[in-house]
């Protein structure tokens, strides 16, 4: 088959498929029902914070990560600086987020470089927040964007995430429904484009079935719950 015949066949196939594609409709979500569900979920979370935090810590540590609690942002900054010092880090890349401001200031005061614009490929540590932290699996859901580059959590060998207690959710299904609610209330009705799920250090067994950490992401993951 020559190029001209191929293009003609491709066009005819596309035309044949077009009517079927037109039958596919986007799912319809009941916004009022989602909002009511979200209200009830959030109302019940404060009473479950301690249990969810403990469950998240266990799941994260089973996945190879480390969990810390900090009383306030200043205490979290102290922990971040200790992690950086233990690894002799000279450079840290960080998201632009109010929760990270005190930690970034403490790192700079300690003489650690925070390159801008991010990400810096030579940075030893990537510092982020998260959208949600899933207690059932120890998973962080990160939503990237212009001030929150996805590579900050992927390129450095150590990923440190600061989270708040209200970001803890029981299950992945809860997070999916909250993200869907976020989409139906957005002006364009779309989910965020850059959603990433992180569960402990990266790992792969692609090479001779030997488990290797840090092949496609950080070798270490530290999560600090603030407050």
N, C-alpha and C. Protein backbone atom coordinates (compact mmCIF):
# COMPACT_ATOMS: atom_id res chain seq x y z
N UNK A 1 0.85 -1.19 0.00
CA UNK A 1 0.00 0.00 0.00
C UNK A 1 0.89 1.24 0.00
N UNK A 2 0.67 2.12 -1.00
CA UNK A 2 1.49 3.33 -1.05
C UNK A 2 0.90 4.39 -0.12
N UNK A 3 1.64 5.52 0.00
CA UNK A 3 1.23 6.56 0.94
C UNK A 3 -0.12 7.15 0.61
N UNK A 4 -0.42 7.32 -0.67
CA UNK A 4 -1.70 7.91 -1.07
C UNK A 4 -2.85 6.98 -0.69
N UNK A 5 -2.68 5.67 -0.94
CA UNK A 5 -3.72 4.72 -0.59
C UNK A 5 -3.94 4.68 0.92
N UNK A 6 -2.83 4.75 1.69
CA UNK A 6 -2.93 4.71 3.15
C UNK A 6 -3.73 5.91 3.67
N UNK A 7 -3.43 7.11 3.13
CA UNK A 7 -4.13 8.31 3.59
C UNK A 7 -5.61 8.24 3.25
N UNK A 8 -5.93 7.72 2.08
CA UNK A 8 -7.34 7.59 1.69
C UNK A 8 -8.07 6.61 2.60
N UNK A 9 -7.38 5.50 2.94
CA UNK A 9 -8.00 4.50 3.83
C UNK A 9 -8.17 5.08 5.22
N UNK A 10 -7.18 5.85 5.68
CA UNK A 10 -7.26 6.47 7.01
C UNK A 10 -8.45 7.43 7.09
N UNK A 11 -8.62 8.24 6.03
CA UNK A 11 -9.74 9.20 6.03
C UNK A 11 -11.08 8.48 6.03
N UNK A 12 -11.19 7.40 5.27
CA UNK A 12 -12.46 6.67 5.21
C UNK A 12 -12.76 6.00 6.55
N UNK A 13 -11.72 5.49 7.22
CA UNK A 13 -11.91 4.87 8.54
C UNK A 13 -12.35 5.91 9.56
N UNK A 14 -11.71 7.09 9.50
CA UNK A 14 -12.06 8.16 10.44
C UNK A 14 -13.52 8.57 10.28
N UNK A 15 -13.98 8.64 9.01
CA UNK A 15 -15.37 9.02 8.77
C UNK A 15 -16.32 7.96 9.29
N UNK A 16 -15.91 6.69 9.13
CA UNK A 16 -16.77 5.61 9.61
C UNK A 16 -16.87 5.61 11.13
N UNK A 17 -15.78 5.99 11.80
CA UNK A 17 -15.76 5.99 13.27
C UNK A 17 -16.44 7.22 13.85
N UNK A 18 -16.53 8.29 13.09
CA UNK A 18 -17.03 9.57 13.62
C UNK A 18 -18.42 9.47 14.24
N UNK A 19 -19.40 8.82 13.60
CA UNK A 19 -20.74 8.76 14.21
C UNK A 19 -20.74 8.07 15.57
N UNK A 20 -19.91 7.01 15.71
CA UNK A 20 -19.85 6.31 16.99
C UNK A 20 -19.26 7.21 18.06
N UNK A 21 -18.27 8.01 17.70
CA UNK A 21 -17.65 8.91 18.67
C UNK A 21 -18.64 9.96 19.16
N UNK A 22 -19.55 10.37 18.28
CA UNK A 22 -20.52 11.39 18.65
C UNK A 22 -21.51 10.89 19.70
N UNK A 23 -21.63 9.54 19.82
CA UNK A 23 -22.58 8.98 20.77
C UNK A 23 -22.04 8.99 22.20
N UNK A 24 -20.70 9.19 22.35
CA UNK A 24 -20.10 9.18 23.68
C UNK A 24 -20.34 10.52 24.35
N UNK A 25 -20.98 10.48 25.51
CA UNK A 25 -21.28 11.70 26.24
C UNK A 25 -20.56 11.70 27.58
N UNK A 26 -20.18 12.89 28.02
CA UNK A 26 -19.53 13.02 29.31
C UNK A 26 -20.50 12.64 30.42
N UNK A 27 -20.00 11.98 31.47
CA UNK A 27 -20.91 11.61 32.56
C UNK A 27 -21.48 12.84 33.25
N UNK A 28 -22.71 12.71 33.73
CA UNK A 28 -23.38 13.81 34.41
C UNK A 28 -23.27 13.58 35.92
N UNK A 29 -22.85 14.62 36.64
CA UNK A 29 -22.70 14.51 38.08
C UNK A 29 -23.71 15.43 38.76
N UNK A 30 -24.26 14.93 39.84
CA UNK A 30 -25.22 15.70 40.63
C UNK A 30 -24.42 16.59 41.59
N UNK A 31 -24.30 17.86 41.24
CA UNK A 31 -23.49 18.77 42.04
C UNK A 31 -24.01 18.89 43.47
N UNK A 32 -25.32 18.99 43.61
CA UNK A 32 -25.90 19.14 44.94
C UNK A 32 -25.61 17.93 45.82
N UNK A 33 -25.69 16.75 45.22
CA UNK A 33 -25.41 15.53 45.98
C UNK A 33 -23.94 15.45 46.38
N UNK A 34 -23.06 15.84 45.45
CA UNK A 34 -21.63 15.84 45.76
C UNK A 34 -21.31 16.84 46.87
N UNK A 35 -21.91 18.00 46.82
CA UNK A 35 -21.66 19.01 47.85
C UNK A 35 -22.16 18.55 49.21
N UNK A 36 -23.31 17.90 49.23
CA UNK A 36 -23.84 17.39 50.50
C UNK A 36 -22.94 16.30 51.07
N UNK A 37 -22.49 15.42 50.19
CA UNK A 37 -21.58 14.35 50.63
C UNK A 37 -20.28 14.94 51.17
N UNK A 38 -19.71 15.91 50.45
CA UNK A 38 -18.46 16.53 50.88
C UNK A 38 -18.61 17.25 52.22
N UNK A 39 -19.75 17.91 52.40
CA UNK A 39 -20.01 18.59 53.67
C UNK A 39 -20.02 17.60 54.82
N UNK A 40 -20.70 16.48 54.64
CA UNK A 40 -20.77 15.47 55.69
C UNK A 40 -19.40 14.84 55.96
N UNK A 41 -18.65 14.59 54.89
CA UNK A 41 -17.31 14.02 55.06
C UNK A 41 -16.42 14.95 55.88
N UNK A 42 -16.37 16.21 55.47
CA UNK A 42 -15.48 17.17 56.14
C UNK A 42 -15.92 17.42 57.58
N UNK A 43 -17.22 17.38 57.82
CA UNK A 43 -17.71 17.60 59.17
C UNK A 43 -17.26 16.48 60.11
N UNK A 44 -17.11 15.29 59.57
CA UNK A 44 -16.71 14.16 60.41
C UNK A 44 -15.23 13.92 60.53
N UNK A 45 -14.43 14.59 59.69
CA UNK A 45 -12.98 14.33 59.68
C UNK A 45 -12.25 14.78 60.95
N UNK A 46 -12.58 15.94 61.54
CA UNK A 46 -11.82 16.35 62.74
C UNK A 46 -11.80 15.31 63.85
N UNK A 47 -12.91 14.62 64.05
CA UNK A 47 -12.98 13.61 65.11
C UNK A 47 -12.13 12.38 64.76
N UNK A 48 -11.78 12.24 63.47
CA UNK A 48 -11.02 11.07 63.02
C UNK A 48 -9.55 11.40 62.76
N UNK A 49 -9.14 12.62 63.01
CA UNK A 49 -7.80 13.05 62.64
C UNK A 49 -6.72 12.16 63.23
N UNK A 50 -6.80 11.89 64.51
CA UNK A 50 -5.75 11.10 65.16
C UNK A 50 -5.66 9.71 64.55
N UNK A 51 -6.80 9.08 64.33
CA UNK A 51 -6.81 7.73 63.75
C UNK A 51 -6.31 7.74 62.31
N UNK A 52 -6.74 8.74 61.53
CA UNK A 52 -6.30 8.83 60.13
C UNK A 52 -4.80 9.09 60.05
N UNK A 53 -4.30 9.94 60.94
CA UNK A 53 -2.87 10.24 60.96
C UNK A 53 -2.06 8.98 61.26
N UNK A 54 -2.50 8.22 62.25
CA UNK A 54 -1.80 6.99 62.61
C UNK A 54 -1.85 5.97 61.47
N UNK A 55 -3.01 5.86 60.83
CA UNK A 55 -3.15 4.93 59.70
C UNK A 55 -2.26 5.35 58.54
N UNK A 56 -2.24 6.65 58.24
CA UNK A 56 -1.39 7.15 57.16
C UNK A 56 0.08 6.87 57.47
N UNK A 57 0.50 7.12 58.71
CA UNK A 57 1.89 6.90 59.09
C UNK A 57 2.29 5.43 58.90
N UNK A 58 1.42 4.52 59.32
CA UNK A 58 1.73 3.09 59.17
C UNK A 58 1.85 2.70 57.70
N UNK A 59 0.91 3.17 56.89
CA UNK A 59 0.92 2.82 55.47
C UNK A 59 2.14 3.41 54.77
N UNK A 60 2.46 4.66 55.10
CA UNK A 60 3.62 5.30 54.48
C UNK A 60 4.90 4.56 54.84
N UNK A 61 5.04 4.21 56.11
CA UNK A 61 6.27 3.54 56.53
C UNK A 61 6.37 2.13 55.96
N UNK A 62 5.24 1.45 55.76
CA UNK A 62 5.26 0.15 55.08
C UNK A 62 5.73 0.30 53.64
N UNK A 63 5.44 1.45 53.04
CA UNK A 63 5.86 1.72 51.66
C UNK A 63 7.30 2.23 51.59
N UNK A 64 7.95 2.39 52.74
CA UNK A 64 9.34 2.82 52.74
C UNK A 64 9.56 4.29 53.05
N UNK A 65 8.49 5.03 53.35
CA UNK A 65 8.62 6.45 53.68
C UNK A 65 8.77 6.66 55.18
N UNK A 66 8.96 7.92 55.56
CA UNK A 66 9.08 8.30 56.97
C UNK A 66 8.08 9.39 57.29
N UNK A 67 7.50 9.29 58.48
CA UNK A 67 6.44 10.21 58.89
C UNK A 67 6.85 10.95 60.15
N UNK A 68 6.53 12.27 60.20
CA UNK A 68 6.84 13.11 61.35
C UNK A 68 5.61 13.95 61.67
N UNK A 69 5.52 14.37 62.92
CA UNK A 69 4.51 15.35 63.29
C UNK A 69 5.22 16.60 63.79
N UNK A 70 4.69 17.76 63.41
CA UNK A 70 5.23 19.05 63.83
C UNK A 70 4.11 19.87 64.45
N UNK A 71 4.41 20.55 65.54
CA UNK A 71 3.38 21.31 66.24
C UNK A 71 2.93 22.53 65.45
N UNK A 72 3.84 23.12 64.66
CA UNK A 72 3.53 24.33 63.90
C UNK A 72 4.54 24.46 62.76
N UNK A 73 4.39 25.45 61.87
CA UNK A 73 5.33 25.60 60.75
C UNK A 73 6.79 25.78 61.20
N UNK A 74 7.02 26.43 62.35
CA UNK A 74 8.39 26.59 62.84
C UNK A 74 9.00 25.24 63.21
N UNK A 75 8.21 24.38 63.83
CA UNK A 75 8.68 23.04 64.17
C UNK A 75 8.92 22.23 62.91
N UNK A 76 8.04 22.38 61.93
CA UNK A 76 8.23 21.69 60.65
C UNK A 76 9.51 22.16 59.97
N UNK A 77 9.77 23.47 60.04
CA UNK A 77 11.00 24.01 59.45
C UNK A 77 12.23 23.39 60.09
N UNK A 78 12.18 23.19 61.40
CA UNK A 78 13.30 22.57 62.11
C UNK A 78 13.55 21.15 61.59
N UNK A 79 12.45 20.39 61.38
CA UNK A 79 12.59 19.02 60.88
C UNK A 79 13.15 19.01 59.46
N UNK A 80 12.66 19.92 58.63
CA UNK A 80 13.15 20.01 57.24
C UNK A 80 14.65 20.32 57.24
N UNK A 81 15.06 21.25 58.06
CA UNK A 81 16.49 21.61 58.13
C UNK A 81 17.33 20.43 58.62
N UNK A 82 16.79 19.66 59.57
CA UNK A 82 17.52 18.49 60.07
C UNK A 82 17.68 17.45 58.97
N UNK A 83 16.62 17.23 58.18
CA UNK A 83 16.71 16.28 57.05
C UNK A 83 17.77 16.75 56.05
N UNK A 84 17.76 18.05 55.75
CA UNK A 84 18.74 18.60 54.81
C UNK A 84 20.16 18.47 55.34
N UNK A 85 20.33 18.74 56.62
CA UNK A 85 21.67 18.67 57.22
C UNK A 85 22.20 17.23 57.23
N UNK A 86 21.33 16.27 57.53
CA UNK A 86 21.75 14.87 57.56
C UNK A 86 22.22 14.40 56.19
N UNK A 87 21.70 15.01 55.14
CA UNK A 87 22.06 14.60 53.78
C UNK A 87 23.08 15.54 53.14
N UNK A 88 23.61 16.45 53.94
CA UNK A 88 24.57 17.43 53.43
C UNK A 88 24.06 18.14 52.18
N UNK A 89 22.78 18.45 52.20
CA UNK A 89 22.15 19.08 51.03
C UNK A 89 22.67 20.50 50.85
N UNK A 90 22.99 20.84 49.63
CA UNK A 90 23.43 22.20 49.30
C UNK A 90 22.37 22.98 48.55
N UNK A 91 21.38 22.24 48.01
CA UNK A 91 20.35 22.89 47.20
C UNK A 91 19.01 22.19 47.41
N UNK A 92 17.95 22.99 47.59
CA UNK A 92 16.60 22.47 47.77
C UNK A 92 15.67 23.23 46.82
N UNK A 93 14.84 22.50 46.10
CA UNK A 93 13.83 23.14 45.26
C UNK A 93 12.49 23.01 45.96
N UNK A 94 11.69 24.07 45.95
CA UNK A 94 10.45 24.07 46.72
C UNK A 94 9.31 24.69 45.94
N UNK A 95 8.11 24.17 46.18
CA UNK A 95 6.92 24.81 45.64
C UNK A 95 6.71 26.17 46.30
N UNK A 96 5.98 27.01 45.61
CA UNK A 96 5.59 28.31 46.16
C UNK A 96 4.27 28.12 46.89
N UNK A 97 4.34 27.92 48.21
CA UNK A 97 3.14 27.66 48.99
C UNK A 97 3.32 28.26 50.38
N UNK A 98 2.30 28.90 50.94
CA UNK A 98 2.44 29.51 52.26
C UNK A 98 2.89 28.54 53.35
N UNK A 99 2.47 27.28 53.25
CA UNK A 99 2.85 26.31 54.27
C UNK A 99 4.35 26.05 54.28
N UNK A 100 5.01 26.30 53.16
CA UNK A 100 6.45 26.04 53.05
C UNK A 100 7.31 27.26 53.33
N UNK A 101 6.69 28.43 53.50
CA UNK A 101 7.44 29.68 53.60
C UNK A 101 8.46 29.66 54.74
N UNK A 102 8.03 29.19 55.91
CA UNK A 102 8.94 29.21 57.06
C UNK A 102 10.09 28.23 56.89
N UNK A 103 9.80 27.08 56.31
CA UNK A 103 10.85 26.10 56.06
C UNK A 103 11.86 26.63 55.05
N UNK A 104 11.37 27.29 54.00
CA UNK A 104 12.27 27.86 52.99
C UNK A 104 13.16 28.93 53.60
N UNK A 105 12.59 29.78 54.45
CA UNK A 105 13.38 30.83 55.10
C UNK A 105 14.45 30.22 56.00
N UNK A 106 14.10 29.15 56.71
CA UNK A 106 15.06 28.50 57.60
C UNK A 106 16.18 27.84 56.80
N UNK A 107 15.84 27.25 55.67
CA UNK A 107 16.86 26.63 54.81
C UNK A 107 17.84 27.67 54.29
N UNK A 108 17.32 28.81 53.84
CA UNK A 108 18.18 29.88 53.34
C UNK A 108 19.07 30.43 54.45
N UNK A 109 18.50 30.56 55.66
CA UNK A 109 19.30 31.04 56.79
C UNK A 109 20.43 30.07 57.12
N UNK A 110 20.22 28.78 56.81
CA UNK A 110 21.25 27.77 57.06
C UNK A 110 22.26 27.70 55.92
N UNK A 111 22.12 28.58 54.91
CA UNK A 111 23.07 28.62 53.81
C UNK A 111 22.79 27.67 52.69
N UNK A 112 21.57 27.13 52.64
CA UNK A 112 21.19 26.19 51.59
C UNK A 112 20.54 26.96 50.44
N UNK A 113 20.96 26.66 49.24
CA UNK A 113 20.47 27.37 48.06
C UNK A 113 19.08 26.88 47.67
N UNK A 114 18.19 27.82 47.38
CA UNK A 114 16.86 27.51 46.85
C UNK A 114 16.76 28.12 45.45
N UNK A 115 17.13 27.35 44.43
CA UNK A 115 17.18 27.88 43.07
C UNK A 115 15.82 28.31 42.55
N UNK A 116 15.83 29.33 41.73
CA UNK A 116 14.62 29.81 41.07
C UNK A 116 15.02 30.29 39.69
N UNK A 117 14.28 30.00 38.61
CA UNK A 117 13.06 29.20 38.62
C UNK A 117 13.34 27.72 38.88
N UNK A 118 12.33 27.02 39.31
CA UNK A 118 12.45 25.61 39.61
C UNK A 118 11.97 24.80 38.41
N UNK A 119 12.34 23.51 38.31
CA UNK A 119 13.17 22.79 39.25
C UNK A 119 14.66 22.89 38.91
N UNK A 120 15.49 22.71 39.91
CA UNK A 120 16.92 22.65 39.68
C UNK A 120 17.37 21.21 39.68
N UNK A 121 17.96 20.77 38.60
CA UNK A 121 18.31 19.35 38.47
C UNK A 121 19.35 18.92 39.49
N UNK A 122 20.17 19.85 39.97
CA UNK A 122 21.20 19.46 40.91
C UNK A 122 20.75 19.46 42.35
N UNK A 123 19.49 19.78 42.62
CA UNK A 123 19.00 19.85 44.00
C UNK A 123 18.90 18.46 44.60
N UNK A 124 19.31 18.36 45.86
CA UNK A 124 19.23 17.08 46.55
C UNK A 124 17.85 16.82 47.14
N UNK A 125 17.10 17.87 47.43
CA UNK A 125 15.81 17.73 48.09
C UNK A 125 14.74 18.53 47.34
N UNK A 126 13.57 17.92 47.19
CA UNK A 126 12.40 18.61 46.66
C UNK A 126 11.38 18.77 47.76
N UNK A 127 10.86 19.98 47.94
CA UNK A 127 9.95 20.29 49.04
C UNK A 127 8.59 20.69 48.47
N UNK A 128 7.54 19.97 48.86
CA UNK A 128 6.21 20.23 48.33
C UNK A 128 5.17 20.17 49.46
N UNK A 129 3.95 20.51 49.09
CA UNK A 129 2.79 20.21 49.93
C UNK A 129 2.04 19.08 49.23
N UNK A 130 0.75 18.97 49.45
CA UNK A 130 -0.06 18.01 48.71
C UNK A 130 -1.49 18.51 48.69
N UNK A 131 -2.29 17.89 47.84
CA UNK A 131 -3.73 18.20 47.83
C UNK A 131 -4.44 17.34 48.87
N UNK A 132 -4.12 16.04 48.86
CA UNK A 132 -4.71 15.11 49.81
C UNK A 132 -3.68 14.07 50.21
N UNK A 133 -3.85 13.51 51.41
CA UNK A 133 -3.01 12.41 51.90
C UNK A 133 -3.95 11.27 52.26
N UNK A 134 -3.77 10.11 51.63
CA UNK A 134 -4.70 9.00 51.77
C UNK A 134 -4.26 8.04 52.86
N UNK A 135 -5.08 7.93 53.89
CA UNK A 135 -4.71 7.12 55.05
C UNK A 135 -4.60 5.63 54.71
N UNK A 136 -5.44 5.15 53.80
CA UNK A 136 -5.47 3.71 53.54
C UNK A 136 -4.18 3.20 52.89
N UNK A 137 -3.47 4.05 52.17
CA UNK A 137 -2.29 3.60 51.42
C UNK A 137 -1.03 4.41 51.70
N UNK A 138 -1.12 5.49 52.46
CA UNK A 138 0.04 6.35 52.66
C UNK A 138 0.41 7.12 51.41
N UNK A 139 -0.57 7.38 50.57
CA UNK A 139 -0.35 8.03 49.28
C UNK A 139 -0.57 9.53 49.36
N UNK A 140 0.30 10.28 48.70
CA UNK A 140 0.13 11.72 48.54
C UNK A 140 -0.44 11.99 47.16
N UNK A 141 -1.47 12.83 47.10
CA UNK A 141 -1.97 13.29 45.81
C UNK A 141 -1.49 14.71 45.61
N UNK A 142 -0.68 14.90 44.58
CA UNK A 142 -0.11 16.21 44.27
C UNK A 142 -0.77 16.75 43.01
N UNK A 143 -1.15 18.02 43.04
CA UNK A 143 -1.70 18.68 41.86
C UNK A 143 -0.70 19.75 41.44
N UNK A 144 -0.09 19.54 40.30
CA UNK A 144 0.93 20.46 39.81
C UNK A 144 0.34 21.62 39.04
N UNK A 145 1.18 22.58 38.76
CA UNK A 145 0.79 23.78 38.02
C UNK A 145 2.00 24.67 37.87
N UNK A 146 1.83 25.84 37.28
CA UNK A 146 2.98 26.74 37.03
C UNK A 146 3.86 27.02 38.24
N UNK A 147 3.30 27.32 39.46
CA UNK A 147 4.19 27.54 40.60
C UNK A 147 4.53 26.26 41.34
N UNK A 148 4.01 25.13 40.84
CA UNK A 148 4.19 23.85 41.54
C UNK A 148 4.62 22.79 40.53
N UNK A 149 5.86 22.89 40.12
CA UNK A 149 6.36 21.98 39.09
C UNK A 149 6.35 20.54 39.58
N UNK A 150 5.88 19.65 38.73
CA UNK A 150 5.81 18.23 39.09
C UNK A 150 7.20 17.65 39.34
N UNK A 151 8.19 18.14 38.61
CA UNK A 151 9.54 17.57 38.72
C UNK A 151 10.18 17.82 40.08
N UNK A 152 9.64 18.76 40.86
CA UNK A 152 10.18 19.01 42.20
C UNK A 152 10.06 17.75 43.06
N UNK A 153 9.03 16.97 42.84
CA UNK A 153 8.84 15.75 43.62
C UNK A 153 9.46 14.52 42.96
N UNK A 154 10.03 14.69 41.76
CA UNK A 154 10.54 13.55 41.01
C UNK A 154 12.05 13.55 40.81
N UNK A 155 12.65 14.72 40.53
CA UNK A 155 14.08 14.75 40.21
C UNK A 155 15.01 14.61 41.41
N UNK A 156 14.77 15.33 42.52
CA UNK A 156 15.69 15.19 43.66
C UNK A 156 15.64 13.78 44.25
N UNK A 157 16.72 13.36 44.88
CA UNK A 157 16.77 12.03 45.48
C UNK A 157 15.92 11.93 46.73
N UNK A 158 15.60 13.08 47.35
CA UNK A 158 14.78 13.09 48.56
C UNK A 158 13.59 14.01 48.35
N UNK A 159 12.40 13.50 48.64
CA UNK A 159 11.18 14.29 48.55
C UNK A 159 10.64 14.50 49.96
N UNK A 160 10.44 15.76 50.33
CA UNK A 160 9.86 16.11 51.63
C UNK A 160 8.55 16.83 51.37
N UNK A 161 7.48 16.35 52.00
CA UNK A 161 6.15 16.96 51.82
C UNK A 161 5.61 17.39 53.18
N UNK A 162 5.12 18.62 53.23
CA UNK A 162 4.43 19.12 54.42
C UNK A 162 2.93 19.04 54.16
N UNK A 163 2.21 18.47 55.11
CA UNK A 163 0.76 18.33 54.96
C UNK A 163 0.07 18.87 56.22
N UNK A 164 -1.19 19.21 56.07
CA UNK A 164 -2.01 19.60 57.21
C UNK A 164 -3.00 18.48 57.53
N UNK A 165 -3.45 18.45 58.78
CA UNK A 165 -4.35 17.38 59.20
C UNK A 165 -5.61 17.34 58.36
N UNK A 166 -6.11 18.51 57.93
CA UNK A 166 -7.35 18.53 57.16
C UNK A 166 -7.20 17.96 55.75
N UNK A 167 -5.97 17.69 55.32
CA UNK A 167 -5.75 17.08 54.01
C UNK A 167 -5.81 15.56 54.07
N UNK A 168 -5.87 14.99 55.27
CA UNK A 168 -5.97 13.55 55.41
C UNK A 168 -7.37 13.08 55.02
N UNK A 169 -7.42 12.06 54.17
CA UNK A 169 -8.69 11.45 53.76
C UNK A 169 -8.61 9.95 54.00
N UNK A 170 -9.74 9.32 54.27
CA UNK A 170 -9.72 7.87 54.51
C UNK A 170 -9.29 7.06 53.29
N UNK A 171 -9.88 7.34 52.12
CA UNK A 171 -9.67 6.46 50.97
C UNK A 171 -9.43 7.24 49.67
N UNK A 172 -8.94 6.50 48.68
CA UNK A 172 -8.75 7.06 47.35
C UNK A 172 -10.09 7.47 46.74
N UNK A 173 -11.12 6.68 47.01
CA UNK A 173 -12.46 7.00 46.48
C UNK A 173 -12.92 8.36 46.98
N UNK A 174 -12.62 8.69 48.23
CA UNK A 174 -12.99 10.01 48.76
C UNK A 174 -12.29 11.12 47.98
N UNK A 175 -11.01 10.92 47.69
CA UNK A 175 -10.25 11.93 46.95
C UNK A 175 -10.82 12.12 45.55
N UNK A 176 -11.18 11.01 44.90
CA UNK A 176 -11.74 11.09 43.54
C UNK A 176 -13.03 11.92 43.55
N UNK A 177 -13.88 11.71 44.53
CA UNK A 177 -15.14 12.45 44.59
C UNK A 177 -14.91 13.93 44.88
N UNK A 178 -13.93 14.24 45.73
CA UNK A 178 -13.62 15.64 46.00
C UNK A 178 -13.03 16.32 44.77
N UNK A 179 -12.20 15.60 44.03
CA UNK A 179 -11.65 16.15 42.79
C UNK A 179 -12.76 16.37 41.76
N UNK A 180 -13.71 15.45 41.72
CA UNK A 180 -14.84 15.61 40.80
C UNK A 180 -15.67 16.83 41.18
N UNK A 181 -15.86 17.04 42.50
CA UNK A 181 -16.59 18.21 42.94
C UNK A 181 -15.84 19.48 42.55
N UNK A 182 -14.52 19.44 42.68
CA UNK A 182 -13.70 20.58 42.26
C UNK A 182 -13.90 20.87 40.78
N UNK A 183 -14.04 19.81 39.99
CA UNK A 183 -14.21 19.97 38.54
C UNK A 183 -15.57 20.57 38.20
N UNK A 184 -16.64 20.06 38.84
CA UNK A 184 -17.97 20.54 38.47
C UNK A 184 -18.22 21.97 38.95
N UNK A 185 -17.44 22.42 39.93
CA UNK A 185 -17.58 23.80 40.39
C UNK A 185 -16.61 24.75 39.68
N UNK A 186 -15.67 24.19 38.90
CA UNK A 186 -14.74 25.03 38.14
C UNK A 186 -15.44 25.64 36.93
N UNK A 187 -14.90 26.74 36.44
CA UNK A 187 -15.53 27.44 35.32
C UNK A 187 -15.55 26.59 34.05
N UNK A 188 -14.50 25.76 33.85
CA UNK A 188 -14.44 24.95 32.64
C UNK A 188 -14.95 23.53 32.85
N UNK A 189 -15.27 23.17 34.10
CA UNK A 189 -15.81 21.85 34.38
C UNK A 189 -14.83 20.72 34.20
N UNK A 190 -13.54 21.02 34.26
CA UNK A 190 -12.53 20.00 34.01
C UNK A 190 -11.74 19.67 35.28
N UNK A 191 -11.26 18.43 35.34
CA UNK A 191 -10.35 18.05 36.41
C UNK A 191 -9.00 18.72 36.18
N UNK A 192 -8.19 18.89 37.25
CA UNK A 192 -6.84 19.42 37.05
C UNK A 192 -6.07 18.54 36.08
N UNK A 193 -5.25 19.15 35.26
CA UNK A 193 -4.53 18.41 34.22
C UNK A 193 -3.41 17.56 34.82
N UNK A 194 -2.73 18.09 35.84
CA UNK A 194 -1.53 17.43 36.35
C UNK A 194 -1.79 16.90 37.75
N UNK A 195 -2.26 15.66 37.84
CA UNK A 195 -2.50 15.00 39.12
C UNK A 195 -1.53 13.83 39.23
N UNK A 196 -0.77 13.78 40.33
CA UNK A 196 0.20 12.70 40.52
C UNK A 196 -0.03 12.04 41.87
N UNK A 197 0.13 10.72 41.90
CA UNK A 197 0.01 9.95 43.13
C UNK A 197 1.38 9.41 43.53
N UNK A 198 1.79 9.69 44.77
CA UNK A 198 3.09 9.25 45.27
C UNK A 198 2.88 8.39 46.51
N UNK A 199 3.39 7.17 46.47
CA UNK A 199 3.32 6.28 47.62
C UNK A 199 4.72 5.82 47.98
N UNK A 200 5.37 6.51 48.87
CA UNK A 200 6.72 6.16 49.29
C UNK A 200 7.75 6.37 48.19
N UNK A 201 8.98 5.90 48.43
CA UNK A 201 10.04 6.05 47.43
C UNK A 201 9.68 5.32 46.13
N UNK A 202 10.22 5.81 45.02
CA UNK A 202 9.98 5.14 43.74
C UNK A 202 10.69 3.80 43.74
N UNK A 203 10.15 2.86 42.98
CA UNK A 203 10.77 1.54 42.92
C UNK A 203 10.42 0.88 41.60
N UNK A 204 11.28 0.00 41.16
CA UNK A 204 11.02 -0.75 39.93
C UNK A 204 11.76 -2.08 40.02
N UNK A 205 11.21 -3.08 39.34
CA UNK A 205 11.88 -4.38 39.25
C UNK A 205 12.00 -4.77 37.78
N UNK A 206 12.09 -3.76 36.92
CA UNK A 206 12.17 -4.02 35.48
C UNK A 206 13.46 -4.73 35.08
N UNK A 207 14.55 -4.46 35.80
CA UNK A 207 15.86 -5.00 35.44
C UNK A 207 16.10 -6.30 36.19
N UNK A 208 16.00 -7.43 35.49
CA UNK A 208 16.24 -8.75 36.04
C UNK A 208 15.44 -9.03 37.31
N UNK A 209 14.25 -8.42 37.41
CA UNK A 209 13.36 -8.64 38.55
C UNK A 209 14.00 -8.29 39.88
N UNK A 210 14.96 -7.37 39.86
CA UNK A 210 15.63 -6.92 41.08
C UNK A 210 15.04 -5.59 41.50
N UNK A 211 14.52 -5.52 42.73
CA UNK A 211 13.90 -4.30 43.21
C UNK A 211 14.94 -3.20 43.37
N UNK A 212 14.69 -2.07 42.71
CA UNK A 212 15.58 -0.92 42.79
C UNK A 212 14.78 0.30 43.15
N UNK A 213 15.28 1.06 44.12
CA UNK A 213 14.60 2.28 44.53
C UNK A 213 15.27 3.50 43.90
N UNK A 214 14.45 4.49 43.60
CA UNK A 214 14.99 5.74 43.08
C UNK A 214 15.30 5.74 41.61
N UNK A 215 14.87 4.72 40.87
CA UNK A 215 15.17 4.66 39.44
C UNK A 215 14.40 5.73 38.68
N UNK A 216 13.14 5.93 39.03
CA UNK A 216 12.30 6.89 38.31
C UNK A 216 11.73 7.96 39.24
N UNK A 217 12.41 8.24 40.31
CA UNK A 217 11.93 9.23 41.27
C UNK A 217 12.77 9.20 42.53
N UNK A 218 12.26 9.78 43.60
CA UNK A 218 13.07 9.91 44.82
C UNK A 218 13.37 8.57 45.49
N UNK A 219 14.54 8.49 46.12
CA UNK A 219 14.90 7.32 46.90
C UNK A 219 14.34 7.40 48.32
N UNK A 220 14.05 8.62 48.76
CA UNK A 220 13.51 8.81 50.10
C UNK A 220 12.29 9.73 50.03
N UNK A 221 11.30 9.41 50.87
CA UNK A 221 10.12 10.26 50.99
C UNK A 221 9.87 10.52 52.47
N UNK A 222 9.79 11.80 52.84
CA UNK A 222 9.52 12.20 54.22
C UNK A 222 8.26 13.06 54.22
N UNK A 223 7.30 12.71 55.07
CA UNK A 223 6.05 13.48 55.16
C UNK A 223 5.95 14.05 56.58
N UNK A 224 5.75 15.36 56.66
CA UNK A 224 5.65 16.05 57.94
C UNK A 224 4.25 16.61 58.07
N UNK A 225 3.51 16.12 59.07
CA UNK A 225 2.18 16.65 59.33
C UNK A 225 2.29 17.85 60.26
N UNK A 226 1.79 18.97 59.82
CA UNK A 226 1.92 20.23 60.57
C UNK A 226 0.63 20.51 61.34
N UNK A 227 0.73 20.60 62.65
CA UNK A 227 -0.42 20.93 63.47
C UNK A 227 -1.27 19.72 63.78
